[in-house]
Amino acid sequence: MTLRPLLRATALLATGFALSACAAYKSGMGIDPLSHSEAELVTWSDGQPAVEIQCLEARGCGQRARAICMPRGLKVLKRAVEATPPAVIVRCG
């Protein structure tokens, strides 16, 4: 009798953890289908590495930048929200 509710609760918890893991923005380089963005490592004009993020919506660029630079914080080097596609270049740390 008590095994069935325990199994149900375990299944619900496992499903919740799986869904929350899938809903996180990608913190590495490449394409992220959730934020509709693509990130790549570039060399900024000062010769230091930076991350360039191109996205379908300007909001997606900011969300992806925060995910990549978490928890160190970020510094925006260039923001082109009126461009097609919108893009941002950031440096973490």
C-alpha atoms as a PDB file:
ATOM      1  CA  MET A   1       0.000   0.000   0.000  1.00  0.00           C
ATOM      2  CA  THR A   2       2.731   2.538   0.844  1.00  0.00           C
ATOM      3  CA  LEU A   3       4.939   1.520  -2.057  1.00  0.00           C
ATOM      4  CA  ARG A   4       2.668   2.963  -4.749  1.00  0.00           C
ATOM      5  CA  PRO A   5       2.553   6.551  -3.339  1.00  0.00           C
ATOM      6  CA  LEU A   6       6.322   6.428  -2.789  1.00  0.00           C
ATOM      7  CA  LEU A   7       6.919   5.402  -6.390  1.00  0.00           C
ATOM      8  CA  ARG A   8       4.556   8.126  -7.629  1.00  0.00           C
ATOM      9  CA  ALA A   9       6.341  10.803  -5.568  1.00  0.00           C
ATOM     10  CA  THR A  10       9.734   9.595  -6.805  1.00  0.00           C
ATOM     11  CA  ALA A  11       8.564   9.704 -10.418  1.00  0.00           C
ATOM     12  CA  LEU A  12       7.210  13.246  -9.986  1.00  0.00           C
ATOM     13  CA  LEU A  13      10.463  14.449  -8.424  1.00  0.00           C
ATOM     14  CA  ALA A  14      12.555  12.859 -11.167  1.00  0.00           C
ATOM     15  CA  THR A  15      10.379  14.468 -13.840  1.00  0.00           C
ATOM     16  CA  GLY A  16      10.673  17.860 -12.147  1.00  0.00           C
ATOM     17  CA  PHE A  17      14.461  17.641 -11.971  1.00  0.00           C
ATOM     18  CA  ALA A  18      14.678  16.561 -15.607  1.00  0.00           C
ATOM     19  CA  LEU A  19      12.483  19.438 -16.774  1.00  0.00           C
ATOM     20  CA  SER A  20      14.388  22.021 -14.751  1.00  0.00           C
ATOM     21  CA  ALA A  21      17.685  20.779 -16.157  1.00  0.00           C
ATOM     22  CA  CYS A  22      16.345  21.077 -19.694  1.00  0.00           C
ATOM     23  CA  ALA A  23      15.074  24.615 -19.076  1.00  0.00           C
ATOM     24  CA  ALA A  24      18.508  26.054 -18.248  1.00  0.00           C
ATOM     25  CA  TYR A  25      20.278  28.250 -20.770  1.00  0.00           C
ATOM     26  CA  LYS A  26      23.428  26.726 -22.226  1.00  0.00           C
ATOM     27  CA  SER A  27      26.514  27.992 -20.408  1.00  0.00           C
ATOM     28  CA  GLY A  28      29.009  26.940 -23.088  1.00  0.00           C
ATOM     29  CA  MET A  29      29.785  27.933 -26.651  1.00  0.00           C
ATOM     30  CA  GLY A  30      27.607  26.853 -29.562  1.00  0.00           C
ATOM     31  CA  ILE A  31      23.908  26.953 -30.344  1.00  0.00           C
ATOM     32  CA  ASP A  32      21.318  27.182 -27.562  1.00  0.00           C
ATOM     33  CA  PRO A  33      17.781  26.345 -28.745  1.00  0.00           C
ATOM     34  CA  LEU A  34      16.189  27.700 -25.547  1.00  0.00           C
ATOM     35  CA  SER A  35      17.450  31.280 -25.930  1.00  0.00           C
ATOM     36  CA  HIS A  36      17.621  31.039 -29.749  1.00  0.00           C
ATOM     37  CA  SER A  37      21.239  32.163 -29.664  1.00  0.00           C
ATOM     38  CA  GLU A  38      24.707  31.150 -30.771  1.00  0.00           C
ATOM     39  CA  ALA A  39      27.861  31.954 -28.801  1.00  0.00           C
ATOM     40  CA  GLU A  40      31.463  31.820 -29.949  1.00  0.00           C
ATOM     41  CA  LEU A  41      34.809  32.817 -28.504  1.00  0.00           C
ATOM     42  CA  VAL A  42      36.404  35.788 -30.295  1.00  0.00           C
ATOM     43  CA  THR A  43      39.428  38.031 -29.796  1.00  0.00           C
ATOM     44  CA  TRP A  44      38.469  41.590 -28.878  1.00  0.00           C
ATOM     45  CA  SER A  45      40.400  44.639 -30.158  1.00  0.00           C
ATOM     46  CA  ASP A  46      42.601  44.608 -27.039  1.00  0.00           C
ATOM     47  CA  GLY A  47      43.794  41.080 -27.868  1.00  0.00           C
ATOM     48  CA  GLN A  48      41.893  39.486 -24.972  1.00  0.00           C
ATOM     49  CA  PRO A  49      39.253  36.748 -25.391  1.00  0.00           C
ATOM     50  CA  ALA A  50      35.576  37.687 -25.366  1.00  0.00           C
ATOM     51  CA  VAL A  51      32.284  35.958 -26.105  1.00  0.00           C
ATOM     52  CA  GLU A  52      30.173  37.040 -29.076  1.00  0.00           C
ATOM     53  CA  ILE A  53      26.508  36.088 -28.859  1.00  0.00           C
ATOM     54  CA  GLN A  54      24.089  36.383 -31.781  1.00  0.00           C
ATOM     55  CA  CYS A  55      20.403  35.785 -31.192  1.00  0.00           C
ATOM     56  CA  LEU A  56      16.947  36.107 -32.712  1.00  0.00           C
ATOM     57  CA  GLU A  57      15.754  38.504 -29.977  1.00  0.00           C
ATOM     58  CA  ALA A  58      17.800  41.014 -27.984  1.00  0.00           C
ATOM     59  CA  ARG A  59      16.407  39.529 -24.755  1.00  0.00           C
ATOM     60  CA  GLY A  60      17.910  36.150 -25.637  1.00  0.00           C
ATOM     61  CA  CYS A  61      21.395  37.678 -25.888  1.00  0.00           C
ATOM     62  CA  GLY A  62      21.277  38.998 -22.334  1.00  0.00           C
ATOM     63  CA  GLN A  63      19.940  35.759 -20.897  1.00  0.00           C
ATOM     64  CA  ARG A  64      22.624  33.721 -22.647  1.00  0.00           C
ATOM     65  CA  ALA A  65      25.382  36.146 -21.567  1.00  0.00           C
ATOM     66  CA  ARG A  66      24.335  35.800 -17.923  1.00  0.00           C
ATOM     67  CA  ALA A  67      24.283  31.994 -18.230  1.00  0.00           C
ATOM     68  CA  ILE A  68      27.765  31.879 -19.761  1.00  0.00           C
ATOM     69  CA  CYS A  69      29.342  34.272 -17.256  1.00  0.00           C
ATOM     70  CA  MET A  70      27.568  33.022 -14.113  1.00  0.00           C
ATOM     71  CA  PRO A  71      28.690  33.389 -11.278  1.00  0.00           C
ATOM     72  CA  ARG A  72      31.668  35.592 -12.219  1.00  0.00           C
ATOM     73  CA  GLY A  73      29.618  38.430 -13.695  1.00  0.00           C
ATOM     74  CA  LEU A  74      30.003  40.044 -17.093  1.00  0.00           C
ATOM     75  CA  LYS A  75      31.184  43.226 -18.760  1.00  0.00           C
ATOM     76  CA  VAL A  76      29.430  44.275 -21.959  1.00  0.00           C
ATOM     77  CA  LEU A  77      31.972  45.315 -24.599  1.00  0.00           C
ATOM     78  CA  LYS A  78      29.560  45.912 -27.478  1.00  0.00           C
ATOM     79  CA  ARG A  79      25.784  45.780 -27.803  1.00  0.00           C
ATOM     80  CA  ALA A  80      24.085  45.827 -31.204  1.00  0.00           C
ATOM     81  CA  VAL A  81      20.396  45.333 -30.420  1.00  0.00           C
ATOM     82  CA  GLU A  82      19.186  47.171 -33.544  1.00  0.00           C
ATOM     83  CA  ALA A  83      21.301  44.971 -35.828  1.00  0.00           C
ATOM     84  CA  THR A  84      19.904  42.005 -37.678  1.00  0.00           C
ATOM     85  CA  PRO A  85      20.466  39.616 -35.957  1.00  0.00           C
ATOM     86  CA  PRO A  86      20.943  41.268 -32.555  1.00  0.00           C
ATOM     87  CA  ALA A  87      24.375  40.618 -31.054  1.00  0.00           C
ATOM     88  CA  VAL A  88      26.372  41.321 -27.931  1.00  0.00           C
ATOM     89  CA  ILE A  89      30.044  40.895 -27.089  1.00  0.00           C
ATOM     90  CA  VAL A  90      30.834  40.314 -23.428  1.00  0.00           C
ATOM     91  CA  ARG A  91      33.791  39.444 -21.249  1.00  0.00           C
ATOM     92  CA  CYS A  92      33.311  37.282 -18.181  1.00  0.00           C
ATOM     93  CA  GLY A  93      34.929  37.966 -14.868  1.00  0.00           C
END
